[in-house]
């Protein structure tokens, strides 16, 4: 496994920790939507600081392609791409609602399977300008095994 694989695994682990911690925050606050608001607010603040840092230091070559920030290009963004925030809000708020009821492992198994199945479809059609990776029997077999895994994980 290369560094990108490790990075992907650690990102998945971070999402599981984050979901469990913020679900508990929602439980303590008795308000899952407030916990969701905190998650997005803290994420926004962190990424805003990182973006500002990279943008300020772009002349020194510390940001590469991601260092470019052109506010005048915001008007050229296809409207459908602005809906990504709705999907994020729904996904995160749903996790915080479901985890206290069904457990982190159970909920994340459904979430991960949903992510992978939809990602395979998005990649197959190259939606949102993603690289095209055609669906194969191997991928279909993997998706079926994921669904079987979810069934086994949730068998209580």
C-alpha atoms as a PDB file:
ATOM      1  CA  UNK A   1       0.000   0.000   0.000  1.00  0.00           C
ATOM      2  CA  UNK A   2       1.327   3.433  -0.900  1.00  0.00           C
ATOM      3  CA  UNK A   3       1.007   6.715   0.988  1.00  0.00           C
ATOM      4  CA  UNK A   4      -2.237   7.588  -0.816  1.00  0.00           C
ATOM      5  CA  UNK A   5      -3.815   4.353   0.399  1.00  0.00           C
ATOM      6  CA  UNK A   6      -2.709   5.099   3.948  1.00  0.00           C
ATOM      7  CA  UNK A   7      -4.072   8.616   3.589  1.00  0.00           C
ATOM      8  CA  UNK A   8      -7.426   7.243   2.392  1.00  0.00           C
ATOM      9  CA  UNK A   9      -7.619   4.793   5.290  1.00  0.00           C
ATOM     10  CA  UNK A  10      -6.747   7.472   7.819  1.00  0.00           C
ATOM     11  CA  UNK A  11      -9.368   9.802   6.289  1.00  0.00           C
ATOM     12  CA  UNK A  12     -11.959   7.070   6.736  1.00  0.00           C
ATOM     13  CA  UNK A  13     -10.834   6.543  10.323  1.00  0.00           C
ATOM     14  CA  UNK A  14     -11.066  10.296  10.942  1.00  0.00           C
ATOM     15  CA  UNK A  15     -14.632  10.326   9.625  1.00  0.00           C
ATOM     16  CA  UNK A  16     -15.601   7.457  11.946  1.00  0.00           C
ATOM     17  CA  UNK A  17     -14.062   9.235  14.965  1.00  0.00           C
ATOM     18  CA  UNK A  18     -15.631  12.550  13.966  1.00  0.00           C
ATOM     19  CA  UNK A  19     -19.066  11.003  13.475  1.00  0.00           C
ATOM     20  CA  UNK A  20     -18.988   9.166  16.796  1.00  0.00           C
ATOM     21  CA  UNK A  21     -17.720  12.203  18.702  1.00  0.00           C
ATOM     22  CA  UNK A  22     -20.230  14.617  17.189  1.00  0.00           C
ATOM     23  CA  UNK A  23     -23.082  12.137  17.625  1.00  0.00           C
ATOM     24  CA  UNK A  24     -22.180  12.096  21.320  1.00  0.00           C
ATOM     25  CA  UNK A  25     -22.002  15.910  21.261  1.00  0.00           C
ATOM     26  CA  UNK A  26     -25.530  15.962  19.817  1.00  0.00           C
ATOM     27  CA  UNK A  27     -26.663  13.620  22.571  1.00  0.00           C
ATOM     28  CA  UNK A  28     -25.077  15.763  25.307  1.00  0.00           C
ATOM     29  CA  UNK A  29     -26.527  18.952  23.791  1.00  0.00           C
ATOM     30  CA  UNK A  30     -29.818  17.138  23.113  1.00  0.00           C
ATOM     31  CA  UNK A  31     -29.729  18.595  19.621  1.00  0.00           C
ATOM     32  CA  UNK A  32     -28.208  16.764  16.641  1.00  0.00           C
ATOM     33  CA  UNK A  33     -28.598  19.788  14.381  1.00  0.00           C
ATOM     34  CA  UNK A  34     -26.580  21.940  16.788  1.00  0.00           C
ATOM     35  CA  UNK A  35     -23.836  19.297  16.733  1.00  0.00           C
ATOM     36  CA  UNK A  36     -23.975  19.356  12.928  1.00  0.00           C
ATOM     37  CA  UNK A  37     -23.705  23.146  12.994  1.00  0.00           C
ATOM     38  CA  UNK A  38     -20.649  22.899  15.252  1.00  0.00           C
ATOM     39  CA  UNK A  39     -19.039  20.342  12.923  1.00  0.00           C
ATOM     40  CA  UNK A  40     -19.465  22.580   9.893  1.00  0.00           C
ATOM     41  CA  UNK A  41     -18.490  25.772  11.724  1.00  0.00           C
ATOM     42  CA  UNK A  42     -15.296  24.276  13.136  1.00  0.00           C
ATOM     43  CA  UNK A  43     -14.485  22.688   9.764  1.00  0.00           C
ATOM     44  CA  UNK A  44     -15.033  26.025   8.043  1.00  0.00           C
ATOM     45  CA  UNK A  45     -12.764  27.874  10.455  1.00  0.00           C
ATOM     46  CA  UNK A  46      -9.970  25.317  10.132  1.00  0.00           C
ATOM     47  CA  UNK A  47     -10.101  25.163   6.343  1.00  0.00           C
ATOM     48  CA  UNK A  48     -10.372  28.976   6.091  1.00  0.00           C
ATOM     49  CA  UNK A  49      -7.149  29.367   8.080  1.00  0.00           C
ATOM     50  CA  UNK A  50      -5.396  26.701   5.971  1.00  0.00           C
ATOM     51  CA  UNK A  51      -6.634  28.269   2.733  1.00  0.00           C
ATOM     52  CA  UNK A  52      -5.476  31.721   3.814  1.00  0.00           C
ATOM     53  CA  UNK A  53      -2.076  30.324   4.790  1.00  0.00           C
ATOM     54  CA  UNK A  54      -1.620  28.558   1.452  1.00  0.00           C
ATOM     55  CA  UNK A  55      -2.858  31.578  -0.501  1.00  0.00           C
ATOM     56  CA  UNK A  56      -0.507  33.969   1.327  1.00  0.00           C
ATOM     57  CA  UNK A  57       2.446  31.620   0.821  1.00  0.00           C
ATOM     58  CA  UNK A  58       1.755  30.678  -2.808  1.00  0.00           C
ATOM     59  CA  UNK A  59       4.624  32.808  -4.078  1.00  0.00           C
ATOM     60  CA  UNK A  60       6.987  30.535  -2.158  1.00  0.00           C
ATOM     61  CA  UNK A  61       5.618  27.474  -3.937  1.00  0.00           C
ATOM     62  CA  UNK A  62       3.929  25.951  -0.917  1.00  0.00           C
ATOM     63  CA  UNK A  63       0.521  25.441  -2.472  1.00  0.00           C
ATOM     64  CA  UNK A  64       0.923  24.594  -6.115  1.00  0.00           C
ATOM     65  CA  UNK A  65      -2.291  24.315  -8.048  1.00  0.00           C
ATOM     66  CA  UNK A  66      -4.455  24.550  -4.933  1.00  0.00           C
ATOM     67  CA  UNK A  67      -2.953  27.917  -4.001  1.00  0.00           C
ATOM     68  CA  UNK A  68      -4.798  29.680  -6.810  1.00  0.00           C
ATOM     69  CA  UNK A  69      -7.813  31.610  -5.593  1.00  0.00           C
ATOM     70  CA  UNK A  70      -9.840  33.562  -8.096  1.00  0.00           C
ATOM     71  CA  UNK A  71     -13.042  35.027  -6.612  1.00  0.00           C
ATOM     72  CA  UNK A  72     -14.095  36.255 -10.062  1.00  0.00           C
ATOM     73  CA  UNK A  73     -14.377  32.625 -11.223  1.00  0.00           C
ATOM     74  CA  UNK A  74     -17.111  31.846  -8.679  1.00  0.00           C
ATOM     75  CA  UNK A  75     -19.747  32.967 -11.173  1.00  0.00           C
ATOM     76  CA  UNK A  76     -18.663  30.294 -13.657  1.00  0.00           C
ATOM     77  CA  UNK A  77     -19.334  27.390 -11.286  1.00  0.00           C
ATOM     78  CA  UNK A  78     -22.223  25.210 -12.562  1.00  0.00           C
ATOM     79  CA  UNK A  79     -25.210  25.606 -10.228  1.00  0.00           C
ATOM     80  CA  UNK A  80     -25.422  21.887  -9.496  1.00  0.00           C
ATOM     81  CA  UNK A  81     -21.990  21.955  -7.822  1.00  0.00           C
ATOM     82  CA  UNK A  82     -23.303  24.376  -5.192  1.00  0.00           C
ATOM     83  CA  UNK A  83     -25.673  21.605  -4.037  1.00  0.00           C
ATOM     84  CA  UNK A  84     -22.768  19.657  -2.540  1.00  0.00           C
ATOM     85  CA  UNK A  85     -23.362  21.461   0.759  1.00  0.00           C
ATOM     86  CA  UNK A  86     -26.882  20.026   0.898  1.00  0.00           C
ATOM     87  CA  UNK A  87     -25.508  16.513   0.502  1.00  0.00           C
ATOM     88  CA  UNK A  88     -22.878  17.168   3.179  1.00  0.00           C
ATOM     89  CA  UNK A  89     -25.464  18.527   5.595  1.00  0.00           C
ATOM     90  CA  UNK A  90     -27.832  15.617   5.010  1.00  0.00           C
ATOM     91  CA  UNK A  91     -25.068  13.028   5.342  1.00  0.00           C
ATOM     92  CA  UNK A  92     -23.488  14.476   8.465  1.00  0.00           C
ATOM     93  CA  UNK A  93     -26.763  15.283  10.242  1.00  0.00           C
ATOM     94  CA  UNK A  94     -28.082  11.799   9.449  1.00  0.00           C
ATOM     95  CA  UNK A  95     -24.979  10.147  10.914  1.00  0.00           C
ATOM     96  CA  UNK A  96     -25.284  12.170  14.121  1.00  0.00           C
ATOM     97  CA  UNK A  97     -28.943  11.188  14.395  1.00  0.00           C
ATOM     98  CA  UNK A  98     -28.461   7.488  13.628  1.00  0.00           C
ATOM     99  CA  UNK A  99     -25.256   6.662  15.555  1.00  0.00           C
ATOM    100  CA  UNK A 100     -26.740   7.010  19.070  1.00  0.00           C
ATOM    101  CA  UNK A 101     -29.625   4.757  18.014  1.00  0.00           C
ATOM    102  CA  UNK A 102     -27.783   2.016  16.105  1.00  0.00           C
ATOM    103  CA  UNK A 103     -24.084   2.316  16.950  1.00  0.00           C
ATOM    104  CA  UNK A 104     -21.062   3.631  15.078  1.00  0.00           C
ATOM    105  CA  UNK A 105     -20.118   0.344  13.407  1.00  0.00           C
ATOM    106  CA  UNK A 106     -23.602  -0.393  12.131  1.00  0.00           C
ATOM    107  CA  UNK A 107     -24.269   3.098  10.815  1.00  0.00           C
ATOM    108  CA  UNK A 108     -20.814   3.529   9.285  1.00  0.00           C
ATOM    109  CA  UNK A 109     -21.136   0.176   7.501  1.00  0.00           C
ATOM    110  CA  UNK A 110     -24.256   1.458   5.755  1.00  0.00           C
ATOM    111  CA  UNK A 111     -22.675   4.865   5.089  1.00  0.00           C
ATOM    112  CA  UNK A 112     -19.469   3.419   3.667  1.00  0.00           C
ATOM    113  CA  UNK A 113     -21.343   0.987   1.436  1.00  0.00           C
ATOM    114  CA  UNK A 114     -23.566   3.797   0.159  1.00  0.00           C
ATOM    115  CA  UNK A 115     -20.496   5.918  -0.553  1.00  0.00           C
ATOM    116  CA  UNK A 116     -18.704   3.174  -2.445  1.00  0.00           C
ATOM    117  CA  UNK A 117     -21.694   2.061  -4.527  1.00  0.00           C
ATOM    118  CA  UNK A 118     -22.488   5.639  -5.568  1.00  0.00           C
ATOM    119  CA  UNK A 119     -18.783   6.359  -6.167  1.00  0.00           C
ATOM    120  CA  UNK A 120     -18.607   3.393  -8.556  1.00  0.00           C
ATOM    121  CA  UNK A 121     -21.591   4.786 -10.485  1.00  0.00           C
ATOM    122  CA  UNK A 122     -20.162   8.328 -10.532  1.00  0.00           C
ATOM    123  CA  UNK A 123     -16.808   7.003 -11.769  1.00  0.00           C
ATOM    124  CA  UNK A 124     -18.425   4.793 -14.413  1.00  0.00           C
ATOM    125  CA  UNK A 125     -20.199   7.762 -15.993  1.00  0.00           C
ATOM    126  CA  UNK A 126     -17.477  10.319 -15.247  1.00  0.00           C
ATOM    127  CA  UNK A 127     -19.961  12.545 -13.445  1.00  0.00           C
ATOM    128  CA  UNK A 128     -18.692  15.871 -12.113  1.00  0.00           C
ATOM    129  CA  UNK A 129     -15.657  15.577 -14.394  1.00  0.00           C
ATOM    130  CA  UNK A 130     -14.254  12.655 -12.410  1.00  0.00           C
ATOM    131  CA  UNK A 131     -11.932  10.183 -14.153  1.00  0.00           C
ATOM    132  CA  UNK A 132     -13.914   7.463 -15.916  1.00  0.00           C
ATOM    133  CA  UNK A 133     -13.428   4.015 -14.398  1.00  0.00           C
ATOM    134  CA  UNK A 134     -15.817   1.573 -16.037  1.00  0.00           C
ATOM    135  CA  UNK A 135     -17.825  -0.852 -13.940  1.00  0.00           C
ATOM    136  CA  UNK A 136     -16.438  -4.365 -14.217  1.00  0.00           C
ATOM    137  CA  UNK A 137     -17.515  -7.730 -12.862  1.00  0.00           C
ATOM    138  CA  UNK A 138     -14.761  -7.427 -10.267  1.00  0.00           C
ATOM    139  CA  UNK A 139     -16.232  -4.122  -9.034  1.00  0.00           C
ATOM    140  CA  UNK A 140     -19.770  -5.528  -9.047  1.00  0.00           C
ATOM    141  CA  UNK A 141     -18.523  -8.526  -7.046  1.00  0.00           C
ATOM    142  CA  UNK A 142     -16.836  -6.168  -4.586  1.00  0.00           C
ATOM    143  CA  UNK A 143     -20.040  -4.144  -4.209  1.00  0.00           C
ATOM    144  CA  UNK A 144     -22.084  -7.310  -3.626  1.00  0.00           C
ATOM    145  CA  UNK A 145     -19.562  -8.420  -0.991  1.00  0.00           C
ATOM    146  CA  UNK A 146     -19.868  -4.997   0.658  1.00  0.00           C
ATOM    147  CA  UNK A 147     -23.640  -5.382   0.855  1.00  0.00           C
ATOM    148  CA  UNK A 148     -23.213  -8.886   2.297  1.00  0.00           C
ATOM    149  CA  UNK A 149     -20.719  -7.437   4.779  1.00  0.00           C
ATOM    150  CA  UNK A 150     -23.265  -4.833   5.869  1.00  0.00           C
ATOM    151  CA  UNK A 151     -25.841  -7.558   6.407  1.00  0.00           C
ATOM    152  CA  UNK A 152     -23.381  -9.554   8.530  1.00  0.00           C
ATOM    153  CA  UNK A 153     -22.186  -6.509  10.492  1.00  0.00           C
ATOM    154  CA  UNK A 154     -25.770  -5.535  11.299  1.00  0.00           C
ATOM    155  CA  UNK A 155     -26.911  -9.043  12.213  1.00  0.00           C
ATOM    156  CA  UNK A 156     -27.678  -8.697  15.916  1.00  0.00           C
END
